[in-house]
Amino acid sequence: ACLAAQGVPDIVIANAGISVGVDTADRADLDVIAQTYAINNIGVAATFHPFLRPMMARGSGAVVGIGSVGGIRGMPGHGAYNASKAALISYMESLRGELRDSGVKAVTLVPGYVDTPLTQHNRYSMPFLMRPQAFADRAFRAIGSGTSYRVIPWQMGVVAKLLRVLPNPLFDRLLSGRP
């Protein structure tokens, strides 16, 4: 319907995301994990699907997947969300390679904490918490710049990458007791 009414868009943004705490020892939470993957991963691919061939035929456009710094290093209690966002980051990287010679760009945006209903019930500190409009402004500039990957804000990217390189025993000790 979108293509029929408006033609091929220049940019398609897939911002599918739910986050629900899970306990893998609880059988019912396996269904929660499956639902999280379905929304956060299949939802992104399903959003892009109707637009990719028309964009490729035109030879221009961009598909933008919204990941999360949670996809850089897993946090206790957020296994489904973190794994789904890690998969999204990897999916976008693969898609970028597949689209390389088509004229269509694949852009991965990786936000830190944004003050949305998704984060408002978090029971832990959220460094560099951004207002939605501040994130949107930075995302708009990142997409326009032609970047393929951007962590917003950049400071959160530094924190996430530092956590990624920490040895597991130190990382585990730092997060011990985290809800």
N, C-alpha and C. Protein backbone atom coordinates (compact mmCIF):
# COMPACT_ATOMS: atom_id res chain seq x y z
N ALA A 1 0.82 -1.19 0.00
CA ALA A 1 0.00 0.00 0.00
C ALA A 1 0.87 1.26 0.00
N CYS A 2 1.95 1.24 0.77
CA CYS A 2 2.86 2.39 0.82
C CYS A 2 3.47 2.65 -0.56
N LEU A 3 3.95 1.59 -1.20
CA LEU A 3 4.56 1.74 -2.52
C LEU A 3 3.55 2.25 -3.53
N ALA A 4 2.32 1.73 -3.47
CA ALA A 4 1.28 2.15 -4.41
C ALA A 4 0.89 3.61 -4.19
N ALA A 5 0.82 4.02 -2.95
CA ALA A 5 0.36 5.38 -2.64
C ALA A 5 1.46 6.43 -2.76
N GLN A 6 2.70 6.06 -2.43
CA GLN A 6 3.74 7.07 -2.31
C GLN A 6 4.98 6.79 -3.14
N GLY A 7 5.05 5.64 -3.77
CA GLY A 7 6.24 5.30 -4.53
C GLY A 7 7.32 4.73 -3.64
N VAL A 8 8.49 4.55 -4.21
CA VAL A 8 9.61 3.96 -3.48
C VAL A 8 10.21 5.01 -2.55
N PRO A 9 10.28 4.73 -1.26
CA PRO A 9 10.84 5.71 -0.33
C PRO A 9 12.35 5.82 -0.48
N ASP A 10 12.89 6.93 -0.01
CA ASP A 10 14.33 7.11 0.00
C ASP A 10 14.96 6.38 1.18
N ILE A 11 14.25 6.36 2.30
CA ILE A 11 14.77 5.75 3.53
C ILE A 11 13.67 4.94 4.20
N VAL A 12 14.02 3.75 4.66
CA VAL A 12 13.11 2.93 5.46
C VAL A 12 13.82 2.65 6.78
N ILE A 13 13.17 3.02 7.88
CA ILE A 13 13.74 2.82 9.21
C ILE A 13 12.95 1.74 9.93
N ALA A 14 13.65 0.71 10.38
CA ALA A 14 13.04 -0.36 11.17
C ALA A 14 13.49 -0.22 12.61
N ASN A 15 12.56 0.15 13.45
CA ASN A 15 12.86 0.38 14.86
C ASN A 15 12.03 -0.57 15.70
N ALA A 16 12.06 -1.86 15.35
CA ALA A 16 11.30 -2.86 16.09
C ALA A 16 12.03 -3.17 17.38
N GLY A 17 11.32 -3.15 18.49
CA GLY A 17 12.00 -3.50 19.72
C GLY A 17 11.09 -3.63 20.92
N ILE A 18 11.17 -4.78 21.56
CA ILE A 18 10.58 -4.97 22.88
C ILE A 18 11.68 -5.49 23.78
N SER A 19 11.54 -5.23 25.05
CA SER A 19 12.50 -5.73 26.02
C SER A 19 11.71 -6.21 27.23
N VAL A 20 11.83 -7.49 27.51
CA VAL A 20 11.16 -8.08 28.65
C VAL A 20 12.20 -8.91 29.38
N GLY A 21 12.29 -8.73 30.69
CA GLY A 21 13.23 -9.54 31.45
C GLY A 21 12.87 -11.00 31.32
N VAL A 22 13.88 -11.85 31.24
CA VAL A 22 13.63 -13.28 31.10
C VAL A 22 14.47 -14.08 32.08
N ASP A 23 13.96 -15.25 32.40
CA ASP A 23 14.65 -16.22 33.22
C ASP A 23 14.61 -17.53 32.45
N THR A 24 15.73 -17.92 31.88
CA THR A 24 15.77 -19.09 31.02
C THR A 24 15.37 -20.36 31.76
N ALA A 25 15.49 -20.37 33.09
CA ALA A 25 15.07 -21.53 33.87
C ALA A 25 13.56 -21.67 33.93
N ASP A 26 12.83 -20.61 33.61
CA ASP A 26 11.37 -20.63 33.60
C ASP A 26 10.89 -20.99 32.20
N ARG A 27 10.21 -22.13 32.04
CA ARG A 27 9.78 -22.61 30.72
C ARG A 27 8.97 -21.57 29.96
N ALA A 28 8.10 -20.85 30.64
CA ALA A 28 7.25 -19.85 29.97
C ALA A 28 8.09 -18.75 29.34
N ASP A 29 9.26 -18.48 29.90
CA ASP A 29 10.10 -17.42 29.35
C ASP A 29 10.74 -17.80 28.02
N LEU A 30 10.76 -19.08 27.68
CA LEU A 30 11.24 -19.46 26.35
C LEU A 30 10.32 -18.88 25.27
N ASP A 31 9.04 -18.83 25.57
CA ASP A 31 8.08 -18.21 24.64
C ASP A 31 8.32 -16.70 24.55
N VAL A 32 8.69 -16.09 25.67
CA VAL A 32 9.00 -14.66 25.67
C VAL A 32 10.24 -14.40 24.81
N ILE A 33 11.23 -15.27 24.91
CA ILE A 33 12.43 -15.13 24.10
C ILE A 33 12.08 -15.24 22.62
N ALA A 34 11.26 -16.22 22.26
CA ALA A 34 10.85 -16.39 20.86
C ALA A 34 10.10 -15.17 20.36
N GLN A 35 9.21 -14.62 21.18
CA GLN A 35 8.46 -13.43 20.78
C GLN A 35 9.39 -12.23 20.61
N THR A 36 10.36 -12.10 21.49
CA THR A 36 11.32 -10.99 21.39
C THR A 36 12.10 -11.09 20.08
N TYR A 37 12.59 -12.28 19.76
CA TYR A 37 13.32 -12.46 18.50
C TYR A 37 12.41 -12.18 17.30
N ALA A 38 11.17 -12.65 17.38
CA ALA A 38 10.24 -12.44 16.27
C ALA A 38 10.03 -10.97 16.00
N ILE A 39 9.85 -10.19 17.04
CA ILE A 39 9.60 -8.75 16.87
C ILE A 39 10.90 -8.03 16.52
N ASN A 40 11.94 -8.24 17.31
CA ASN A 40 13.16 -7.46 17.17
C ASN A 40 13.99 -7.83 15.95
N ASN A 41 13.84 -9.04 15.43
CA ASN A 41 14.65 -9.47 14.29
C ASN A 41 13.81 -9.70 13.04
N ILE A 42 12.84 -10.57 13.12
CA ILE A 42 11.99 -10.81 11.95
C ILE A 42 11.21 -9.54 11.61
N GLY A 43 10.83 -8.78 12.62
CA GLY A 43 10.12 -7.52 12.37
C GLY A 43 10.94 -6.55 11.53
N VAL A 44 12.24 -6.49 11.77
CA VAL A 44 13.11 -5.61 10.99
C VAL A 44 13.17 -6.11 9.54
N ALA A 45 13.43 -7.40 9.35
CA ALA A 45 13.51 -7.94 8.00
C ALA A 45 12.19 -7.78 7.26
N ALA A 46 11.08 -7.98 7.96
CA ALA A 46 9.76 -7.83 7.33
C ALA A 46 9.49 -6.38 6.96
N THR A 47 10.02 -5.45 7.74
CA THR A 47 9.87 -4.03 7.40
C THR A 47 10.62 -3.69 6.13
N PHE A 48 11.83 -4.22 5.98
CA PHE A 48 12.64 -3.92 4.81
C PHE A 48 12.15 -4.65 3.55
N HIS A 49 11.64 -5.85 3.73
CA HIS A 49 11.34 -6.75 2.61
C HIS A 49 10.62 -6.10 1.42
N PRO A 50 9.49 -5.42 1.61
CA PRO A 50 8.79 -4.92 0.42
C PRO A 50 9.51 -3.79 -0.31
N PHE A 51 10.49 -3.20 0.32
CA PHE A 51 11.14 -2.03 -0.26
C PHE A 51 12.48 -2.32 -0.92
N LEU A 52 13.11 -3.43 -0.55
CA LEU A 52 14.47 -3.68 -1.05
C LEU A 52 14.54 -3.81 -2.56
N ARG A 53 13.74 -4.67 -3.16
CA ARG A 53 13.82 -4.84 -4.62
C ARG A 53 13.53 -3.53 -5.37
N PRO A 54 12.48 -2.80 -5.00
CA PRO A 54 12.25 -1.52 -5.70
C PRO A 54 13.39 -0.52 -5.51
N MET A 55 13.98 -0.47 -4.31
CA MET A 55 15.12 0.43 -4.09
C MET A 55 16.31 -0.01 -4.93
N MET A 56 16.55 -1.33 -4.97
CA MET A 56 17.67 -1.84 -5.75
C MET A 56 17.45 -1.58 -7.25
N ALA A 57 16.22 -1.73 -7.70
CA ALA A 57 15.92 -1.47 -9.12
C ALA A 57 16.16 0.00 -9.45
N ARG A 58 15.85 0.88 -8.52
CA ARG A 58 16.07 2.31 -8.70
C ARG A 58 17.55 2.65 -8.57
N GLY A 59 18.28 1.86 -7.75
CA GLY A 59 19.71 2.10 -7.55
C GLY A 59 20.04 3.10 -6.47
N SER A 60 19.08 3.34 -5.57
CA SER A 60 19.36 4.27 -4.47
C SER A 60 18.41 4.03 -3.32
N GLY A 61 18.78 4.57 -2.17
CA GLY A 61 17.96 4.48 -0.96
C GLY A 61 18.79 4.00 0.20
N ALA A 62 18.13 3.90 1.34
CA ALA A 62 18.80 3.41 2.55
C ALA A 62 17.79 2.68 3.41
N VAL A 63 18.25 1.58 4.00
CA VAL A 63 17.49 0.90 5.03
C VAL A 63 18.28 1.07 6.32
N VAL A 64 17.56 1.43 7.38
CA VAL A 64 18.18 1.77 8.65
C VAL A 64 17.62 0.84 9.72
N GLY A 65 18.50 0.08 10.35
CA GLY A 65 18.11 -0.80 11.45
C GLY A 65 18.55 -0.20 12.76
N ILE A 66 17.62 -0.16 13.72
CA ILE A 66 17.93 0.39 15.04
C ILE A 66 18.30 -0.75 15.98
N GLY A 67 19.57 -0.80 16.36
CA GLY A 67 20.06 -1.80 17.30
C GLY A 67 20.00 -1.27 18.72
N SER A 68 20.98 -1.60 19.51
CA SER A 68 21.09 -1.13 20.89
C SER A 68 22.50 -1.43 21.38
N VAL A 69 22.99 -0.59 22.29
CA VAL A 69 24.28 -0.91 22.89
C VAL A 69 24.18 -2.22 23.66
N GLY A 70 22.96 -2.63 24.03
CA GLY A 70 22.76 -3.92 24.66
C GLY A 70 23.19 -5.06 23.75
N GLY A 71 23.29 -4.83 22.47
CA GLY A 71 23.74 -5.84 21.54
C GLY A 71 25.25 -5.97 21.49
N ILE A 72 25.96 -5.10 22.19
CA ILE A 72 27.43 -5.15 22.20
C ILE A 72 27.94 -6.05 23.32
N ARG A 73 27.26 -6.03 24.47
CA ARG A 73 27.64 -6.90 25.60
C ARG A 73 26.37 -7.25 26.37
N GLY A 74 26.14 -8.53 26.60
CA GLY A 74 24.93 -8.99 27.27
C GLY A 74 24.89 -8.60 28.75
N MET A 75 23.71 -8.22 29.20
CA MET A 75 23.52 -7.83 30.60
C MET A 75 22.57 -8.82 31.28
N PRO A 76 22.82 -9.11 32.56
CA PRO A 76 21.96 -10.06 33.28
C PRO A 76 20.48 -9.66 33.20
N GLY A 77 19.64 -10.65 32.99
CA GLY A 77 18.19 -10.42 32.97
C GLY A 77 17.65 -9.94 31.65
N HIS A 78 18.53 -9.60 30.72
CA HIS A 78 18.11 -9.06 29.43
C HIS A 78 18.62 -9.91 28.28
N GLY A 79 18.74 -11.21 28.51
CA GLY A 79 19.32 -12.10 27.51
C GLY A 79 18.62 -12.05 26.17
N ALA A 80 17.29 -12.06 26.18
CA ALA A 80 16.55 -12.06 24.92
C ALA A 80 16.76 -10.75 24.17
N TYR A 81 16.62 -9.63 24.86
CA TYR A 81 16.78 -8.32 24.22
C TYR A 81 18.20 -8.16 23.70
N ASN A 82 19.18 -8.42 24.57
CA ASN A 82 20.58 -8.24 24.17
C ASN A 82 20.94 -9.13 22.99
N ALA A 83 20.52 -10.39 23.03
CA ALA A 83 20.82 -11.32 21.93
C ALA A 83 20.12 -10.88 20.65
N SER A 84 18.89 -10.39 20.77
CA SER A 84 18.17 -9.96 19.56
C SER A 84 18.83 -8.74 18.94
N LYS A 85 19.33 -7.84 19.76
CA LYS A 85 19.98 -6.64 19.21
C LYS A 85 21.38 -6.95 18.69
N ALA A 86 22.07 -7.93 19.28
CA ALA A 86 23.33 -8.39 18.71
C ALA A 86 23.07 -9.01 17.34
N ALA A 87 22.00 -9.78 17.25
CA ALA A 87 21.63 -10.38 15.96
C ALA A 87 21.27 -9.30 14.95
N LEU A 88 20.60 -8.26 15.38
CA LEU A 88 20.24 -7.18 14.46
C LEU A 88 21.49 -6.49 13.92
N ILE A 89 22.44 -6.23 14.80
CA ILE A 89 23.69 -5.59 14.37
C ILE A 89 24.39 -6.48 13.34
N SER A 90 24.44 -7.77 13.59
CA SER A 90 25.07 -8.70 12.65
C SER A 90 24.27 -8.80 11.34
N TYR A 91 22.95 -8.82 11.45
CA TYR A 91 22.09 -8.86 10.26
C TYR A 91 22.33 -7.64 9.38
N MET A 92 22.40 -6.46 9.99
CA MET A 92 22.62 -5.24 9.23
C MET A 92 23.99 -5.25 8.57
N GLU A 93 24.98 -5.80 9.25
CA GLU A 93 26.31 -5.92 8.66
C GLU A 93 26.26 -6.83 7.43
N SER A 94 25.55 -7.95 7.55
CA SER A 94 25.40 -8.86 6.40
C SER A 94 24.65 -8.18 5.26
N LEU A 95 23.57 -7.48 5.61
CA LEU A 95 22.77 -6.80 4.60
C LEU A 95 23.59 -5.73 3.89
N ARG A 96 24.45 -5.04 4.65
CA ARG A 96 25.31 -4.02 4.05
C ARG A 96 26.18 -4.65 2.96
N GLY A 97 26.72 -5.82 3.22
CA GLY A 97 27.53 -6.51 2.22
C GLY A 97 26.71 -6.95 1.02
N GLU A 98 25.50 -7.43 1.27
CA GLU A 98 24.63 -7.88 0.18
C GLU A 98 24.21 -6.73 -0.73
N LEU A 99 24.07 -5.54 -0.14
CA LEU A 99 23.60 -4.37 -0.90
C LEU A 99 24.74 -3.53 -1.47
N ARG A 100 25.97 -3.90 -1.20
CA ARG A 100 27.14 -3.07 -1.51
C ARG A 100 27.12 -2.47 -2.91
N ASP A 101 26.83 -3.23 -3.94
CA ASP A 101 26.90 -2.73 -5.31
C ASP A 101 25.54 -2.32 -5.87
N SER A 102 24.53 -2.24 -5.03
CA SER A 102 23.17 -1.96 -5.51
C SER A 102 22.80 -0.48 -5.50
N GLY A 103 23.59 0.33 -4.80
CA GLY A 103 23.22 1.74 -4.62
C GLY A 103 22.37 1.97 -3.39
N VAL A 104 21.97 0.90 -2.71
CA VAL A 104 21.17 1.00 -1.48
C VAL A 104 22.10 0.81 -0.29
N LYS A 105 22.01 1.72 0.64
CA LYS A 105 22.86 1.65 1.84
C LYS A 105 22.12 0.94 2.96
N ALA A 106 22.86 0.20 3.77
CA ALA A 106 22.35 -0.39 5.00
C ALA A 106 23.05 0.32 6.15
N VAL A 107 22.26 0.97 6.99
CA VAL A 107 22.78 1.78 8.08
C VAL A 107 22.35 1.16 9.41
N THR A 108 23.30 0.99 10.31
CA THR A 108 23.01 0.48 11.65
C THR A 108 23.18 1.62 12.64
N LEU A 109 22.10 1.94 13.34
CA LEU A 109 22.18 2.92 14.43
C LEU A 109 22.05 2.16 15.74
N VAL A 110 22.94 2.47 16.67
CA VAL A 110 23.01 1.74 17.93
C VAL A 110 22.85 2.73 19.08
N PRO A 111 21.61 2.94 19.52
CA PRO A 111 21.40 3.90 20.61
C PRO A 111 21.80 3.34 21.96
N GLY A 112 22.19 4.27 22.82
CA GLY A 112 22.32 3.94 24.24
C GLY A 112 20.94 4.04 24.84
N TYR A 113 20.84 4.66 26.00
CA TYR A 113 19.55 4.78 26.67
C TYR A 113 18.81 6.02 26.17
N VAL A 114 17.57 5.81 25.73
CA VAL A 114 16.70 6.89 25.29
C VAL A 114 15.48 6.87 26.20
N ASP A 115 15.07 8.03 26.66
CA ASP A 115 13.95 8.15 27.60
C ASP A 115 12.63 7.86 26.89
N THR A 116 12.27 6.59 26.84
CA THR A 116 11.04 6.14 26.19
C THR A 116 10.30 5.23 27.16
N PRO A 117 9.08 4.84 26.82
CA PRO A 117 8.37 3.89 27.69
C PRO A 117 9.15 2.59 27.90
N LEU A 118 10.00 2.21 26.95
CA LEU A 118 10.80 1.00 27.08
C LEU A 118 11.79 1.11 28.23
N THR A 119 12.35 2.29 28.47
CA THR A 119 13.39 2.46 29.49
C THR A 119 12.87 3.05 30.80
N GLN A 120 11.67 3.60 30.80
CA GLN A 120 11.19 4.33 31.98
C GLN A 120 10.98 3.45 33.22
N HIS A 121 10.93 2.14 33.03
CA HIS A 121 10.73 1.25 34.18
C HIS A 121 12.01 0.52 34.57
N ASN A 122 13.14 0.89 33.95
CA ASN A 122 14.41 0.26 34.32
C ASN A 122 14.74 0.58 35.76
N ARG A 123 15.25 -0.43 36.47
CA ARG A 123 15.57 -0.27 37.89
C ARG A 123 17.06 -0.08 38.11
N TYR A 124 17.75 0.44 37.13
CA TYR A 124 19.18 0.63 37.24
C TYR A 124 19.55 1.96 36.58
N SER A 125 20.76 2.42 36.86
CA SER A 125 21.19 3.70 36.29
C SER A 125 21.36 3.55 34.78
N MET A 126 21.10 4.63 34.08
CA MET A 126 21.21 4.64 32.62
C MET A 126 22.10 5.81 32.22
N PRO A 127 23.40 5.55 32.10
CA PRO A 127 24.31 6.65 31.76
C PRO A 127 24.01 7.23 30.39
N PHE A 128 24.20 8.53 30.30
CA PHE A 128 24.02 9.26 29.04
C PHE A 128 22.59 9.16 28.50
N LEU A 129 21.60 9.08 29.40
CA LEU A 129 20.20 9.00 29.00
C LEU A 129 19.86 10.19 28.11
N MET A 130 19.26 9.90 26.95
CA MET A 130 18.94 10.95 25.97
C MET A 130 17.44 11.14 25.87
N ARG A 131 17.04 12.36 25.60
CA ARG A 131 15.65 12.65 25.25
C ARG A 131 15.41 12.13 23.83
N PRO A 132 14.20 11.70 23.52
CA PRO A 132 13.93 11.17 22.18
C PRO A 132 14.29 12.13 21.05
N GLN A 133 14.01 13.41 21.21
CA GLN A 133 14.31 14.36 20.14
C GLN A 133 15.81 14.50 19.91
N ALA A 134 16.59 14.43 21.00
CA ALA A 134 18.05 14.52 20.85
C ALA A 134 18.56 13.30 20.07
N PHE A 135 18.02 12.12 20.39
CA PHE A 135 18.41 10.93 19.63
C PHE A 135 18.00 11.08 18.17
N ALA A 136 16.77 11.51 17.94
CA ALA A 136 16.26 11.65 16.56
C ALA A 136 17.13 12.62 15.76
N ASP A 137 17.53 13.73 16.36
CA ASP A 137 18.38 14.70 15.65
C ASP A 137 19.73 14.08 15.28
N ARG A 138 20.33 13.34 16.21
CA ARG A 138 21.62 12.71 15.93
C ARG A 138 21.48 11.59 14.90
N ALA A 139 20.38 10.86 14.99
CA ALA A 139 20.14 9.78 14.02
C ALA A 139 19.96 10.37 12.63
N PHE A 140 19.22 11.45 12.52
CA PHE A 140 18.99 12.11 11.24
C PHE A 140 20.32 12.54 10.61
N ARG A 141 21.19 13.13 11.44
CA ARG A 141 22.51 13.55 10.94
C ARG A 141 23.36 12.35 10.54
N ALA A 142 23.30 11.27 11.32
CA ALA A 142 24.09 10.07 11.00
C ALA A 142 23.64 9.47 9.68
N ILE A 143 22.34 9.36 9.48
CA ILE A 143 21.82 8.79 8.23
C ILE A 143 22.24 9.67 7.06
N GLY A 144 22.11 10.97 7.21
CA GLY A 144 22.49 11.91 6.15
C GLY A 144 23.97 11.91 5.84
N SER A 145 24.80 11.55 6.81
CA SER A 145 26.25 11.58 6.60
C SER A 145 26.75 10.39 5.77
N GLY A 146 25.90 9.39 5.59
CA GLY A 146 26.31 8.23 4.82
C GLY A 146 27.05 7.18 5.64
N THR A 147 27.05 7.32 6.95
CA THR A 147 27.72 6.34 7.79
C THR A 147 27.04 4.98 7.67
N SER A 148 27.79 3.92 7.95
CA SER A 148 27.19 2.59 7.93
C SER A 148 26.87 2.09 9.34
N TYR A 149 27.50 2.69 10.36
CA TYR A 149 27.33 2.23 11.74
C TYR A 149 27.60 3.41 12.66
N ARG A 150 26.70 3.66 13.60
CA ARG A 150 26.92 4.76 14.54
C ARG A 150 26.28 4.43 15.88
N VAL A 151 27.07 4.56 16.95
CA VAL A 151 26.54 4.47 18.30
C VAL A 151 26.17 5.89 18.73
N ILE A 152 24.97 6.04 19.28
CA ILE A 152 24.48 7.36 19.70
C ILE A 152 24.00 7.24 21.15
N PRO A 153 24.57 8.03 22.07
CA PRO A 153 25.69 8.96 21.91
C PRO A 153 27.01 8.20 21.87
N TRP A 154 28.00 8.81 21.28
CA TRP A 154 29.29 8.14 21.10
C TRP A 154 29.88 7.70 22.43
N GLN A 155 29.60 8.46 23.51
CA GLN A 155 30.16 8.10 24.82
C GLN A 155 29.67 6.72 25.26
N MET A 156 28.42 6.40 24.93
CA MET A 156 27.87 5.10 25.29
C MET A 156 28.56 4.00 24.50
N GLY A 157 28.97 4.32 23.29
CA GLY A 157 29.74 3.36 22.50
C GLY A 157 31.06 3.04 23.14
N VAL A 158 31.71 4.04 23.71
CA VAL A 158 32.99 3.82 24.40
C VAL A 158 32.77 2.91 25.60
N VAL A 159 31.72 3.20 26.39
CA VAL A 159 31.43 2.38 27.57
C VAL A 159 31.15 0.93 27.15
N ALA A 160 30.32 0.76 26.14
CA ALA A 160 29.96 -0.59 25.69
C ALA A 160 31.18 -1.35 25.17
N LYS A 161 32.02 -0.68 24.41
CA LYS A 161 33.21 -1.35 23.86
C LYS A 161 34.20 -1.70 24.99
N LEU A 162 34.30 -0.82 26.01
CA LEU A 162 35.15 -1.15 27.16
C LEU A 162 34.62 -2.38 27.89
N LEU A 163 33.30 -2.45 28.06
CA LEU A 163 32.71 -3.63 28.68
C LEU A 163 32.98 -4.88 27.85
N ARG A 164 32.99 -4.73 26.53
CA ARG A 164 33.20 -5.86 25.63
C ARG A 164 34.60 -6.44 25.80
N VAL A 165 35.59 -5.59 26.06
CA VAL A 165 36.97 -6.08 26.15
C VAL A 165 37.37 -6.49 27.57
N LEU A 166 36.49 -6.24 28.55
CA LEU A 166 36.81 -6.68 29.91
C LEU A 166 36.89 -8.20 29.95
N PRO A 167 37.86 -8.73 30.67
CA PRO A 167 37.89 -10.18 30.86
C PRO A 167 36.61 -10.63 31.56
N ASN A 168 36.11 -11.80 31.21
CA ASN A 168 34.85 -12.28 31.77
C ASN A 168 34.80 -12.27 33.30
N PRO A 169 35.85 -12.72 34.01
CA PRO A 169 35.76 -12.69 35.48
C PRO A 169 35.53 -11.28 36.04
N LEU A 170 36.18 -10.28 35.45
CA LEU A 170 35.99 -8.91 35.91
C LEU A 170 34.59 -8.39 35.54
N PHE A 171 34.16 -8.66 34.32
CA PHE A 171 32.82 -8.27 33.88
C PHE A 171 31.77 -8.90 34.80
N ASP A 172 31.91 -10.19 35.07
CA ASP A 172 30.94 -10.90 35.92
C ASP A 172 30.91 -10.31 37.33
N ARG A 173 32.07 -9.95 37.87
CA ARG A 173 32.13 -9.36 39.21
C ARG A 173 31.46 -7.99 39.23
N LEU A 174 31.70 -7.20 38.19
CA LEU A 174 31.07 -5.86 38.13
C LEU A 174 29.54 -5.93 38.09
N LEU A 175 29.00 -6.96 37.45
CA LEU A 175 27.55 -7.07 37.30
C LEU A 175 26.91 -7.99 38.32
N SER A 176 27.68 -8.50 39.24
CA SER A 176 27.14 -9.40 40.25
C SER A 176 26.01 -8.72 41.03
N GLY A 177 24.87 -9.41 41.13
CA GLY A 177 23.73 -8.88 41.86
C GLY A 177 22.86 -7.91 41.10
N ARG A 178 23.20 -7.63 39.88
CA ARG A 178 22.39 -6.71 39.06
C ARG A 178 21.06 -7.38 38.73
N PRO A 179 19.96 -6.62 38.86
CA PRO A 179 18.65 -7.24 38.58
C PRO A 179 18.47 -7.61 37.13
